[in-house]
Amino acid sequence: MKRRELIEKIAASIDAKDGKAFSEFITEDGIFRYANSEPVKGRENIKNYVNEFFKFVKSGKHKIIRLWDHGDTIIWEGEVLYTRHDDKSMNFYFVNIFNMEGDMIREYLIHIDNNALFAE
């Protein structure tokens, strides 16, 4: 699978709020870190973590701004439009770093400041 196609499928799984599909891009013993949160290890734990996050938002729509492919590392600069349960929508820019193991993500690191999403 081409790297852009991989990122598009990851974005689609997030926008569908499908933690199982999302976690299947990550190695069985992979690591996931969202912003300043503690890292989560293991596919099942990652699935559960993202499913809990999905409960906080009504919807999300991710865009690819730019991708860099450096073999065993992919960098995704993007933008996400989150809609909260009160129907307020907010844009956030982010950078995701994927440390790869073949075609699977070994380490998924999200760099984002979305504190406003959780503010009143």
PDB file of N, CA and C in Angstrom:
ATOM      1  N   MET A   1       0.849  -1.170   0.000  1.00  0.00           N
ATOM      2  CA  MET A   1       0.000   0.000   0.000  1.00  0.00           C
ATOM      3  C   MET A   1       0.896   1.236   0.000  1.00  0.00           C
ATOM      4  N   LYS A   2       0.556   2.197  -0.835  1.00  0.00           N
ATOM      5  CA  LYS A   2       1.313   3.441  -0.860  1.00  0.00           C
ATOM      6  C   LYS A   2       1.078   4.205   0.428  1.00  0.00           C
ATOM      7  N   ARG A   3       2.068   4.990   0.805  1.00  0.00           N
ATOM      8  CA  ARG A   3       2.014   5.691   2.086  1.00  0.00           C
ATOM      9  C   ARG A   3       0.854   6.692   2.153  1.00  0.00           C
ATOM     10  N   ARG A   4       0.579   7.412   1.090  1.00  0.00           N
ATOM     11  CA  ARG A   4      -0.542   8.364   1.109  1.00  0.00           C
ATOM     12  C   ARG A   4      -1.864   7.611   1.307  1.00  0.00           C
ATOM     13  N   GLU A   5      -1.996   6.488   0.646  1.00  0.00           N
ATOM     14  CA  GLU A   5      -3.194   5.668   0.798  1.00  0.00           C
ATOM     15  C   GLU A   5      -3.331   5.181   2.243  1.00  0.00           C
ATOM     16  N   LEU A   6      -2.207   4.811   2.857  1.00  0.00           N
ATOM     17  CA  LEU A   6      -2.214   4.395   4.259  1.00  0.00           C
ATOM     18  C   LEU A   6      -2.753   5.519   5.146  1.00  0.00           C
ATOM     19  N   ILE A   7      -2.246   6.733   4.950  1.00  0.00           N
ATOM     20  CA  ILE A   7      -2.680   7.864   5.769  1.00  0.00           C
ATOM     21  C   ILE A   7      -4.158   8.168   5.520  1.00  0.00           C
ATOM     22  N   GLU A   8      -4.600   8.085   4.285  1.00  0.00           N
ATOM     23  CA  GLU A   8      -6.011   8.318   3.979  1.00  0.00           C
ATOM     24  C   GLU A   8      -6.900   7.291   4.688  1.00  0.00           C
ATOM     25  N   LYS A   9      -6.452   6.039   4.738  1.00  0.00           N
ATOM     26  CA  LYS A   9      -7.236   4.994   5.418  1.00  0.00           C
ATOM     27  C   LYS A   9      -7.236   5.201   6.926  1.00  0.00           C
ATOM     28  N   ILE A  10      -6.115   5.635   7.473  1.00  0.00           N
ATOM     29  CA  ILE A  10      -6.060   5.946   8.910  1.00  0.00           C
ATOM     30  C   ILE A  10      -7.033   7.084   9.212  1.00  0.00           C
ATOM     31  N   ALA A  11      -6.981   8.146   8.411  1.00  0.00           N
ATOM     32  CA  ALA A  11      -7.882   9.289   8.616  1.00  0.00           C
ATOM     33  C   ALA A  11      -9.343   8.845   8.536  1.00  0.00           C
ATOM     34  N   ALA A  12      -9.667   7.993   7.581  1.00  0.00           N
ATOM     35  CA  ALA A  12     -11.044   7.514   7.433  1.00  0.00           C
ATOM     36  C   ALA A  12     -11.479   6.713   8.659  1.00  0.00           C
ATOM     37  N   SER A  13     -10.580   5.915   9.232  1.00  0.00           N
ATOM     38  CA  SER A  13     -10.941   5.132  10.416  1.00  0.00           C
ATOM     39  C   SER A  13     -11.189   6.037  11.616  1.00  0.00           C
ATOM     40  N   ILE A  14     -10.418   7.111  11.724  1.00  0.00           N
ATOM     41  CA  ILE A  14     -10.618   8.061  12.821  1.00  0.00           C
ATOM     42  C   ILE A  14     -11.933   8.801  12.627  1.00  0.00           C
ATOM     43  N   ASP A  15     -12.164   9.294  11.404  1.00  0.00           N
ATOM     44  CA  ASP A  15     -13.385  10.051  11.130  1.00  0.00           C
ATOM     45  C   ASP A  15     -14.636   9.183  11.294  1.00  0.00           C
ATOM     46  N   ALA A  16     -14.488   7.862  11.094  1.00  0.00           N
ATOM     47  CA  ALA A  16     -15.601   6.930  11.299  1.00  0.00           C
ATOM     48  C   ALA A  16     -15.752   6.553  12.774  1.00  0.00           C
ATOM     49  N   LYS A  17     -14.807   7.030  13.600  1.00  0.00           N
ATOM     50  CA  LYS A  17     -14.800   6.716  15.039  1.00  0.00           C
ATOM     51  C   LYS A  17     -14.755   5.201  15.249  1.00  0.00           C
ATOM     52  N   ASP A  18     -13.893   4.543  14.471  1.00  0.00           N
ATOM     53  CA  ASP A  18     -13.763   3.086  14.488  1.00  0.00           C
ATOM     54  C   ASP A  18     -12.425   2.694  15.103  1.00  0.00           C
ATOM     55  N   GLY A  19     -12.422   2.532  16.431  1.00  0.00           N
ATOM     56  CA  GLY A  19     -11.189   2.216  17.146  1.00  0.00           C
ATOM     57  C   GLY A  19     -10.555   0.911  16.713  1.00  0.00           C
ATOM     58  N   LYS A  20     -11.372  -0.075  16.366  1.00  0.00           N
ATOM     59  CA  LYS A  20     -10.830  -1.368  15.930  1.00  0.00           C
ATOM     60  C   LYS A  20     -10.069  -1.207  14.615  1.00  0.00           C
ATOM     61  N   ALA A  21     -10.710  -0.567  13.631  1.00  0.00           N
ATOM     62  CA  ALA A  21     -10.046  -0.348  12.340  1.00  0.00           C
ATOM     63  C   ALA A  21      -8.777   0.479  12.524  1.00  0.00           C
ATOM     64  N   PHE A  22      -8.857   1.514  13.364  1.00  0.00           N
ATOM     65  CA  PHE A  22      -7.694   2.361  13.634  1.00  0.00           C
ATOM     66  C   PHE A  22      -6.547   1.541  14.209  1.00  0.00           C
ATOM     67  N   SER A  23      -6.849   0.722  15.199  1.00  0.00           N
ATOM     68  CA  SER A  23      -5.790  -0.029  15.884  1.00  0.00           C
ATOM     69  C   SER A  23      -5.126  -1.056  14.984  1.00  0.00           C
ATOM     70  N   GLU A  24      -5.794  -1.491  13.944  1.00  0.00           N
ATOM     71  CA  GLU A  24      -5.234  -2.508  13.053  1.00  0.00           C
ATOM     72  C   GLU A  24      -4.098  -1.983  12.170  1.00  0.00           C
ATOM     73  N   PHE A  25      -3.874  -0.681  12.170  1.00  0.00           N
ATOM     74  CA  PHE A  25      -2.728  -0.111  11.461  1.00  0.00           C
ATOM     75  C   PHE A  25      -1.460  -0.167  12.326  1.00  0.00           C
ATOM     76  N   ILE A  26      -1.606  -0.522  13.585  1.00  0.00           N
ATOM     77  CA  ILE A  26      -0.523  -0.471  14.564  1.00  0.00           C
ATOM     78  C   ILE A  26      -0.091  -1.889  14.925  1.00  0.00           C
ATOM     79  N   THR A  27       1.200  -2.091  15.096  1.00  0.00           N
ATOM     80  CA  THR A  27       1.698  -3.419  15.454  1.00  0.00           C
ATOM     81  C   THR A  27       1.065  -3.885  16.766  1.00  0.00           C
ATOM     82  N   GLU A  28       1.049  -5.186  16.958  1.00  0.00           N
ATOM     83  CA  GLU A  28       0.424  -5.774  18.149  1.00  0.00           C
ATOM     84  C   GLU A  28       0.986  -5.170  19.438  1.00  0.00           C
ATOM     85  N   ASP A  29       2.290  -4.878  19.459  1.00  0.00           N
ATOM     86  CA  ASP A  29       2.932  -4.307  20.649  1.00  0.00           C
ATOM     87  C   ASP A  29       3.253  -2.823  20.465  1.00  0.00           C
ATOM     88  N   GLY A  30       2.533  -2.177  19.536  1.00  0.00           N
ATOM     89  CA  GLY A  30       2.801  -0.781  19.199  1.00  0.00           C
ATOM     90  C   GLY A  30       2.534   0.186  20.338  1.00  0.00           C
ATOM     91  N   ILE A  31       3.012   1.408  20.135  1.00  0.00           N
ATOM     92  CA  ILE A  31       2.860   2.488  21.119  1.00  0.00           C
ATOM     93  C   ILE A  31       2.106   3.635  20.463  1.00  0.00           C
ATOM     94  N   PHE A  32       1.176   4.224  21.227  1.00  0.00           N
ATOM     95  CA  PHE A  32       0.371   5.352  20.769  1.00  0.00           C
ATOM     96  C   PHE A  32       0.444   6.438  21.828  1.00  0.00           C
ATOM     97  N   ARG A  33       0.795   7.653  21.394  1.00  0.00           N
ATOM     98  CA  ARG A  33       0.819   8.781  22.339  1.00  0.00           C
ATOM     99  C   ARG A  33       0.054   9.945  21.725  1.00  0.00           C
ATOM    100  N   TYR A  34      -0.954  10.413  22.472  1.00  0.00           N
ATOM    101  CA  TYR A  34      -1.778  11.526  22.039  1.00  0.00           C
ATOM    102  C   TYR A  34      -1.358  12.765  22.815  1.00  0.00           C
ATOM    103  N   ALA A  35      -0.752  13.721  22.118  1.00  0.00           N
ATOM    104  CA  ALA A  35      -0.325  14.995  22.718  1.00  0.00           C
ATOM    105  C   ALA A  35       0.534  14.734  23.950  1.00  0.00           C
ATOM    106  N   ASN A  36       0.155  15.310  25.086  1.00  0.00           N
ATOM    107  CA  ASN A  36       0.959  15.164  26.304  1.00  0.00           C
ATOM    108  C   ASN A  36       0.495  14.026  27.200  1.00  0.00           C
ATOM    109  N   SER A  37      -0.373  13.175  26.698  1.00  0.00           N
ATOM    110  CA  SER A  37      -0.848  12.036  27.477  1.00  0.00           C
ATOM    111  C   SER A  37       0.240  10.975  27.598  1.00  0.00           C
ATOM    112  N   GLU A  38       0.078  10.115  28.579  1.00  0.00           N
ATOM    113  CA  GLU A  38       1.004   8.995  28.738  1.00  0.00           C
ATOM    114  C   GLU A  38       0.867   8.051  27.538  1.00  0.00           C
ATOM    115  N   PRO A  39       1.969   7.462  27.086  1.00  0.00           N
ATOM    116  CA  PRO A  39       1.879   6.505  25.969  1.00  0.00           C
ATOM    117  C   PRO A  39       1.026   5.295  26.347  1.00  0.00           C
ATOM    118  N   VAL A  40       0.343   4.759  25.360  1.00  0.00           N
ATOM    119  CA  VAL A  40      -0.470   3.560  25.508  1.00  0.00           C
ATOM    120  C   VAL A  40       0.217   2.466  24.700  1.00  0.00           C
ATOM    121  N   LYS A  41       0.380   1.291  25.286  1.00  0.00           N
ATOM    122  CA  LYS A  41       1.088   0.206  24.605  1.00  0.00           C
ATOM    123  C   LYS A  41       0.151  -0.966  24.348  1.00  0.00           C
ATOM    124  N   GLY A  42       0.251  -1.492  23.133  1.00  0.00           N
ATOM    125  CA  GLY A  42      -0.511  -2.673  22.756  1.00  0.00           C
ATOM    126  C   GLY A  42      -1.769  -2.325  21.984  1.00  0.00           C
ATOM    127  N   ARG A  43      -2.013  -3.090  20.927  1.00  0.00           N
ATOM    128  CA  ARG A  43      -3.129  -2.805  20.021  1.00  0.00           C
ATOM    129  C   ARG A  43      -4.482  -2.751  20.746  1.00  0.00           C
ATOM    130  N   GLU A  44      -4.760  -3.699  21.612  1.00  0.00           N
ATOM    131  CA  GLU A  44      -6.046  -3.727  22.310  1.00  0.00           C
ATOM    132  C   GLU A  44      -6.208  -2.500  23.212  1.00  0.00           C
ATOM    133  N   ASN A  45      -5.156  -2.125  23.921  1.00  0.00           N
ATOM    134  CA  ASN A  45      -5.208  -0.935  24.786  1.00  0.00           C
ATOM    135  C   ASN A  45      -5.387   0.339  23.959  1.00  0.00           C
ATOM    136  N   ILE A  46      -4.735   0.382  22.803  1.00  0.00           N
ATOM    137  CA  ILE A  46      -4.860   1.544  21.917  1.00  0.00           C
ATOM    138  C   ILE A  46      -6.293   1.646  21.397  1.00  0.00           C
ATOM    139  N   LYS A  47      -6.849   0.525  20.992  1.00  0.00           N
ATOM    140  CA  LYS A  47      -8.250   0.512  20.528  1.00  0.00           C
ATOM    141  C   LYS A  47      -9.176   1.065  21.611  1.00  0.00           C
ATOM    142  N   ASN A  48      -9.006   0.593  22.832  1.00  0.00           N
ATOM    143  CA  ASN A  48      -9.849   1.057  23.934  1.00  0.00           C
ATOM    144  C   ASN A  48      -9.643   2.541  24.215  1.00  0.00           C
ATOM    145  N   TYR A  49      -8.393   2.997  24.166  1.00  0.00           N
ATOM    146  CA  TYR A  49      -8.069   4.405  24.426  1.00  0.00           C
ATOM    147  C   TYR A  49      -8.753   5.316  23.406  1.00  0.00           C
ATOM    148  N   VAL A  50      -8.594   4.993  22.117  1.00  0.00           N
ATOM    149  CA  VAL A  50      -9.172   5.880  21.100  1.00  0.00           C
ATOM    150  C   VAL A  50     -10.696   5.818  21.116  1.00  0.00           C
ATOM    151  N   ASN A  51     -11.264   4.655  21.438  1.00  0.00           N
ATOM    152  CA  ASN A  51     -12.721   4.578  21.551  1.00  0.00           C
ATOM    153  C   ASN A  51     -13.231   5.491  22.665  1.00  0.00           C
ATOM    154  N   GLU A  52     -12.483   5.599  23.754  1.00  0.00           N
ATOM    155  CA  GLU A  52     -12.862   6.525  24.829  1.00  0.00           C
ATOM    156  C   GLU A  52     -12.758   7.968  24.352  1.00  0.00           C
ATOM    157  N   PHE A  53     -11.691   8.299  23.608  1.00  0.00           N
ATOM    158  CA  PHE A  53     -11.555   9.655  23.072  1.00  0.00           C
ATOM    159  C   PHE A  53     -12.731   9.982  22.149  1.00  0.00           C
ATOM    160  N   PHE A  54     -13.125   9.020  21.305  1.00  0.00           N
ATOM    161  CA  PHE A  54     -14.206   9.263  20.352  1.00  0.00           C
ATOM    162  C   PHE A  54     -15.501   9.661  21.051  1.00  0.00           C
ATOM    163  N   LYS A  55     -15.688   9.252  22.291  1.00  0.00           N
ATOM    164  CA  LYS A  55     -16.899   9.615  23.035  1.00  0.00           C
ATOM    165  C   LYS A  55     -16.962  11.111  23.339  1.00  0.00           C
ATOM    166  N   PHE A  56     -15.808  11.786  23.325  1.00  0.00           N
ATOM    167  CA  PHE A  56     -15.752  13.208  23.656  1.00  0.00           C
ATOM    168  C   PHE A  56     -16.139  14.118  22.488  1.00  0.00           C
ATOM    169  N   VAL A  57     -16.151  13.575  21.275  1.00  0.00           N
ATOM    170  CA  VAL A  57     -16.470  14.397  20.107  1.00  0.00           C
ATOM    171  C   VAL A  57     -17.633  13.791  19.342  1.00  0.00           C
ATOM    172  N   LYS A  58     -18.416  14.680  18.765  1.00  0.00           N
ATOM    173  CA  LYS A  58     -19.537  14.227  17.937  1.00  0.00           C
ATOM    174  C   LYS A  58     -19.026  13.707  16.597  1.00  0.00           C
ATOM    175  N   SER A  59     -18.052  14.448  16.035  1.00  0.00           N
ATOM    176  CA  SER A  59     -17.479  14.031  14.758  1.00  0.00           C
ATOM    177  C   SER A  59     -16.121  14.699  14.557  1.00  0.00           C
ATOM    178  N   GLY A  60     -15.397  14.199  13.583  1.00  0.00           N
ATOM    179  CA  GLY A  60     -14.115  14.772  13.200  1.00  0.00           C
ATOM    180  C   GLY A  60     -13.882  14.559  11.718  1.00  0.00           C
ATOM    181  N   LYS A  61     -13.165  15.462  11.112  1.00  0.00           N
ATOM    182  CA  LYS A  61     -12.811  15.343   9.693  1.00  0.00           C
ATOM    183  C   LYS A  61     -11.349  15.751   9.536  1.00  0.00           C
ATOM    184  N   HIS A  62     -10.517  14.790   9.162  1.00  0.00           N
ATOM    185  CA  HIS A  62      -9.075  15.005   9.035  1.00  0.00           C
ATOM    186  C   HIS A  62      -8.687  15.296   7.583  1.00  0.00           C
ATOM    187  N   LYS A  63      -7.714  16.181   7.428  1.00  0.00           N
ATOM    188  CA  LYS A  63      -7.154  16.510   6.116  1.00  0.00           C
ATOM    189  C   LYS A  63      -5.653  16.305   6.137  1.00  0.00           C
ATOM    190  N   ILE A  64      -5.134  15.936   5.001  1.00  0.00           N
ATOM    191  CA  ILE A  64      -3.690  15.864   4.816  1.00  0.00           C
ATOM    192  C   ILE A  64      -3.244  17.191   4.212  1.00  0.00           C
ATOM    193  N   ILE A  65      -2.343  17.874   4.903  1.00  0.00           N
ATOM    194  CA  ILE A  65      -1.739  19.080   4.339  1.00  0.00           C
ATOM    195  C   ILE A  65      -0.462  18.695   3.601  1.00  0.00           C
ATOM    196  N   ARG A  66       0.355  17.892   4.265  1.00  0.00           N
ATOM    197  CA  ARG A  66       1.640  17.489   3.685  1.00  0.00           C
ATOM    198  C   ARG A  66       2.083  16.168   4.309  1.00  0.00           C
ATOM    199  N   LEU A  67       2.786  15.360   3.529  1.00  0.00           N
ATOM    200  CA  LEU A  67       3.369  14.104   4.015  1.00  0.00           C
ATOM    201  C   LEU A  67       4.841  14.067   3.662  1.00  0.00           C
ATOM    202  N   TRP A  68       5.613  13.532   4.585  1.00  0.00           N
ATOM    203  CA  TRP A  68       7.014  13.247   4.335  1.00  0.00           C
ATOM    204  C   TRP A  68       7.224  11.764   4.607  1.00  0.00           C
ATOM    205  N   ASP A  69       7.837  11.082   3.664  1.00  0.00           N
ATOM    206  CA  ASP A  69       8.106   9.653   3.807  1.00  0.00           C
ATOM    207  C   ASP A  69       9.612   9.458   3.819  1.00  0.00           C
ATOM    208  N   HIS A  70      10.116   9.035   4.969  1.00  0.00           N
ATOM    209  CA  HIS A  70      11.549   8.819   5.125  1.00  0.00           C
ATOM    210  C   HIS A  70      11.827   7.350   5.413  1.00  0.00           C
ATOM    211  N   GLY A  71      11.190   6.448   4.661  1.00  0.00           N
ATOM    212  CA  GLY A  71      11.419   5.019   4.815  1.00  0.00           C
ATOM    213  C   GLY A  71      10.738   4.458   6.042  1.00  0.00           C
ATOM    214  N   ASP A  72      11.448   4.443   7.149  1.00  0.00           N
ATOM    215  CA  ASP A  72      10.861   3.882   8.368  1.00  0.00           C
ATOM    216  C   ASP A  72      10.153   4.939   9.223  1.00  0.00           C
ATOM    217  N   THR A  73      10.047   6.166   8.716  1.00  0.00           N
ATOM    218  CA  THR A  73       9.330   7.238   9.413  1.00  0.00           C
ATOM    219  C   THR A  73       8.461   8.001   8.413  1.00  0.00           C
ATOM    220  N   ILE A  74       7.200   8.202   8.785  1.00  0.00           N
ATOM    221  CA  ILE A  74       6.275   9.023   7.996  1.00  0.00           C
ATOM    222  C   ILE A  74       5.849  10.182   8.884  1.00  0.00           C
ATOM    223  N   ILE A  75       5.811  11.380   8.317  1.00  0.00           N
ATOM    224  CA  ILE A  75       5.343  12.555   9.041  1.00  0.00           C
ATOM    225  C   ILE A  75       4.121  13.095   8.309  1.00  0.00           C
ATOM    226  N   TRP A  76       3.043  13.272   9.054  1.00  0.00           N
ATOM    227  CA  TRP A  76       1.777  13.759   8.500  1.00  0.00           C
ATOM    228  C   TRP A  76       1.449  15.093   9.147  1.00  0.00           C
ATOM    229  N   GLU A  77       1.532  16.162   8.349  1.00  0.00           N
ATOM    230  CA  GLU A  77       1.044  17.463   8.795  1.00  0.00           C
ATOM    231  C   GLU A  77      -0.402  17.547   8.352  1.00  0.00           C
ATOM    232  N   GLY A  78      -1.283  17.854   9.309  1.00  0.00           N
ATOM    233  CA  GLY A  78      -2.689  17.848   8.955  1.00  0.00           C
ATOM    234  C   GLY A  78      -3.510  18.869   9.697  1.00  0.00           C
ATOM    235  N   GLU A  79      -4.783  18.844   9.371  1.00  0.00           N
ATOM    236  CA  GLU A  79      -5.772  19.703  10.008  1.00  0.00           C
ATOM    237  C   GLU A  79      -6.982  18.831  10.314  1.00  0.00           C
ATOM    238  N   VAL A  80      -7.574  19.044  11.471  1.00  0.00           N
ATOM    239  CA  VAL A  80      -8.776  18.307  11.838  1.00  0.00           C
ATOM    240  C   VAL A  80      -9.857  19.296  12.255  1.00  0.00           C
ATOM    241  N   LEU A  81     -11.059  19.040  11.793  1.00  0.00           N
ATOM    242  CA  LEU A  81     -12.227  19.801  12.212  1.00  0.00           C
ATOM    243  C   LEU A  81     -13.027  18.888  13.133  1.00  0.00           C
ATOM    244  N   TYR A  82     -13.047  19.234  14.424  1.00  0.00           N
ATOM    245  CA  TYR A  82     -13.829  18.480  15.406  1.00  0.00           C
ATOM    246  C   TYR A  82     -15.139  19.209  15.641  1.00  0.00           C
ATOM    247  N   THR A  83     -16.204  18.451  15.788  1.00  0.00           N
ATOM    248  CA  THR A  83     -17.488  18.987  16.228  1.00  0.00           C
ATOM    249  C   THR A  83     -17.802  18.356  17.570  1.00  0.00           C
ATOM    250  N   ARG A  84     -18.033  19.226  18.542  1.00  0.00           N
ATOM    251  CA  ARG A  84     -18.351  18.747  19.888  1.00  0.00           C
ATOM    252  C   ARG A  84     -19.829  18.352  19.951  1.00  0.00           C
ATOM    253  N   HIS A  85     -20.212  17.760  21.067  1.00  0.00           N
ATOM    254  CA  HIS A  85     -21.610  17.355  21.253  1.00  0.00           C
ATOM    255  C   HIS A  85     -22.554  18.548  21.381  1.00  0.00           C
ATOM    256  N   ASP A  86     -22.003  19.733  21.691  1.00  0.00           N
ATOM    257  CA  ASP A  86     -22.838  20.941  21.720  1.00  0.00           C
ATOM    258  C   ASP A  86     -22.913  21.609  20.339  1.00  0.00           C
ATOM    259  N   ASP A  87     -22.421  20.905  19.319  1.00  0.00           N
ATOM    260  CA  ASP A  87     -22.411  21.326  17.913  1.00  0.00           C
ATOM    261  C   ASP A  87     -21.440  22.462  17.600  1.00  0.00           C
ATOM    262  N   LYS A  88     -20.582  22.821  18.531  1.00  0.00           N
ATOM    263  CA  LYS A  88     -19.532  23.798  18.252  1.00  0.00           C
ATOM    264  C   LYS A  88     -18.398  23.084  17.512  1.00  0.00           C
ATOM    265  N   SER A  89     -17.959  23.669  16.390  1.00  0.00           N
ATOM    266  CA  SER A  89     -16.882  23.092  15.588  1.00  0.00           C
ATOM    267  C   SER A  89     -15.605  23.886  15.763  1.00  0.00           C
ATOM    268  N   MET A  90     -14.489  23.177  15.752  1.00  0.00           N
ATOM    269  CA  MET A  90     -13.179  23.804  15.954  1.00  0.00           C
ATOM    270  C   MET A  90     -12.141  23.132  15.062  1.00  0.00           C
ATOM    271  N   ASN A  91     -11.268  23.955  14.462  1.00  0.00           N
ATOM    272  CA  ASN A  91     -10.147  23.457  13.657  1.00  0.00           C
ATOM    273  C   ASN A  91      -8.886  23.391  14.489  1.00  0.00           C
ATOM    274  N   PHE A  92      -8.106  22.351  14.275  1.00  0.00           N
ATOM    275  CA  PHE A  92      -6.799  22.214  14.928  1.00  0.00           C
ATOM    276  C   PHE A  92      -5.799  21.692  13.900  1.00  0.00           C
ATOM    277  N   TYR A  93      -4.577  22.221  13.987  1.00  0.00           N
ATOM    278  CA  TYR A  93      -3.485  21.719  13.171  1.00  0.00           C
ATOM    279  C   TYR A  93      -2.688  20.728  14.009  1.00  0.00           C
ATOM    280  N   PHE A  94      -2.131  19.735  13.354  1.00  0.00           N
ATOM    281  CA  PHE A  94      -1.382  18.704  14.072  1.00  0.00           C
ATOM    282  C   PHE A  94      -0.245  18.174  13.205  1.00  0.00           C
ATOM    283  N   VAL A  95       0.664  17.490  13.851  1.00  0.00           N
ATOM    284  CA  VAL A  95       1.708  16.723  13.173  1.00  0.00           C
ATOM    285  C   VAL A  95       1.730  15.347  13.830  1.00  0.00           C
ATOM    286  N   ASN A  96       1.606  14.331  13.015  1.00  0.00           N
ATOM    287  CA  ASN A  96       1.712  12.954  13.480  1.00  0.00           C
ATOM    288  C   ASN A  96       3.014  12.373  12.960  1.00  0.00           C
ATOM    289  N   ILE A  97       3.692  11.653  13.817  1.00  0.00           N
ATOM    290  CA  ILE A  97       4.917  10.949  13.428  1.00  0.00           C
ATOM    291  C   ILE A  97       4.653   9.461  13.574  1.00  0.00           C
ATOM    292  N   PHE A  98       4.905   8.733  12.506  1.00  0.00           N
ATOM    293  CA  PHE A  98       4.739   7.286  12.508  1.00  0.00           C
ATOM    294  C   PHE A  98       6.109   6.640  12.343  1.00  0.00           C
ATOM    295  N   ASN A  99       6.539   5.900  13.326  1.00  0.00           N
ATOM    296  CA  ASN A  99       7.738   5.078  13.199  1.00  0.00           C
ATOM    297  C   ASN A  99       7.254   3.702  12.774  1.00  0.00           C
ATOM    298  N   MET A 100       7.700   3.285  11.609  1.00  0.00           N
ATOM    299  CA  MET A 100       7.133   2.131  10.936  1.00  0.00           C
ATOM    300  C   MET A 100       7.936   0.857  11.183  1.00  0.00           C
ATOM    301  N   GLU A 101       7.229  -0.251  11.058  1.00  0.00           N
ATOM    302  CA  GLU A 101       7.832  -1.583  11.027  1.00  0.00           C
ATOM    303  C   GLU A 101       7.211  -2.263   9.812  1.00  0.00           C
ATOM    304  N   GLY A 102       7.900  -2.163   8.683  1.00  0.00           N
ATOM    305  CA  GLY A 102       7.302  -2.620   7.427  1.00  0.00           C
ATOM    306  C   GLY A 102       6.155  -1.705   7.057  1.00  0.00           C
ATOM    307  N   ASP A 103       4.971  -2.307   6.862  1.00  0.00           N
ATOM    308  CA  ASP A 103       3.784  -1.529   6.523  1.00  0.00           C
ATOM    309  C   ASP A 103       2.926  -1.206   7.735  1.00  0.00           C
ATOM    310  N   MET A 104       3.411  -1.547   8.924  1.00  0.00           N
ATOM    311  CA  MET A 104       2.662  -1.324  10.162  1.00  0.00           C
ATOM    312  C   MET A 104       3.310  -0.192  10.966  1.00  0.00           C
ATOM    313  N   ILE A 105       2.490   0.481  11.767  1.00  0.00           N
ATOM    314  CA  ILE A 105       2.996   1.552  12.625  1.00  0.00           C
ATOM    315  C   ILE A 105       3.446   0.933  13.945  1.00  0.00           C
ATOM    316  N   ARG A 106       4.690   1.136  14.292  1.00  0.00           N
ATOM    317  CA  ARG A 106       5.241   0.660  15.564  1.00  0.00           C
ATOM    318  C   ARG A 106       5.031   1.686  16.663  1.00  0.00           C
ATOM    319  N   GLU A 107       5.123   2.969  16.271  1.00  0.00           N
ATOM    320  CA  GLU A 107       4.972   4.062  17.228  1.00  0.00           C
ATOM    321  C   GLU A 107       4.209   5.190  16.530  1.00  0.00           C
ATOM    322  N   TYR A 108       3.077   5.590  17.135  1.00  0.00           N
ATOM    323  CA  TYR A 108       2.190   6.604  16.567  1.00  0.00           C
ATOM    324  C   TYR A 108       2.187   7.774  17.550  1.00  0.00           C
ATOM    325  N   LEU A 109       2.777   8.886  17.159  1.00  0.00           N
ATOM    326  CA  LEU A 109       2.941  10.050  18.032  1.00  0.00           C
ATOM    327  C   LEU A 109       2.157  11.230  17.462  1.00  0.00           C
ATOM    328  N   ILE A 110       1.215  11.752  18.246  1.00  0.00           N
ATOM    329  CA  ILE A 110       0.389  12.878  17.806  1.00  0.00           C
ATOM    330  C   ILE A 110       0.839  14.134  18.543  1.00  0.00           C
ATOM    331  N   HIS A 111       1.136  15.167  17.784  1.00  0.00           N
ATOM    332  CA  HIS A 111       1.519  16.469  18.343  1.00  0.00           C
ATOM    333  C   HIS A 111       0.414  17.454  17.987  1.00  0.00           C
ATOM    334  N   ILE A 112      -0.364  17.851  19.004  1.00  0.00           N
ATOM    335  CA  ILE A 112      -1.517  18.725  18.805  1.00  0.00           C
ATOM    336  C   ILE A 112      -1.786  19.481  20.097  1.00  0.00           C
ATOM    337  N   ASP A 113      -2.279  20.679  19.960  1.00  0.00           N
ATOM    338  CA  ASP A 113      -2.771  21.425  21.128  1.00  0.00           C
ATOM    339  C   ASP A 113      -4.262  21.650  20.878  1.00  0.00           C
ATOM    340  N   ASN A 114      -5.075  20.780  21.441  1.00  0.00           N
ATOM    341  CA  ASN A 114      -6.514  20.898  21.265  1.00  0.00           C
ATOM    342  C   ASN A 114      -7.237  21.114  22.585  1.00  0.00           C
ATOM    343  N   ASN A 115      -6.587  21.796  23.512  1.00  0.00           N
ATOM    344  CA  ASN A 115      -7.191  22.061  24.822  1.00  0.00           C
ATOM    345  C   ASN A 115      -8.538  22.780  24.699  1.00  0.00           C
ATOM    346  N   ALA A 116      -8.679  23.634  23.699  1.00  0.00           N
ATOM    347  CA  ALA A 116      -9.930  24.374  23.523  1.00  0.00           C
ATOM    348  C   ALA A 116     -11.105  23.436  23.268  1.00  0.00           C
ATOM    349  N   LEU A 117     -10.823  22.264  22.742  1.00  0.00           N
ATOM    350  CA  LEU A 117     -11.883  21.280  22.470  1.00  0.00           C
ATOM    351  C   LEU A 117     -12.605  20.879  23.761  1.00  0.00           C
ATOM    352  N   PHE A 118     -11.872  20.870  24.866  1.00  0.00           N
ATOM    353  CA  PHE A 118     -12.417  20.402  26.128  1.00  0.00           C
ATOM    354  C   PHE A 118     -12.829  21.546  27.068  1.00  0.00           C
ATOM    355  N   ALA A 119     -12.644  22.784  26.623  1.00  0.00           N
ATOM    356  CA  ALA A 119     -13.008  23.939  27.439  1.00  0.00           C
ATOM    357  C   ALA A 119     -14.500  24.209  27.311  1.00  0.00           C
ATOM    358  N   GLU A 120     -15.045  24.871  28.301  1.00  0.00           N
ATOM    359  CA  GLU A 120     -16.476  25.232  28.282  1.00  0.00           C
ATOM    360  C   GLU A 120     -16.718  26.396  27.360  1.00  0.00           C
TER     361      GLU A 120
END
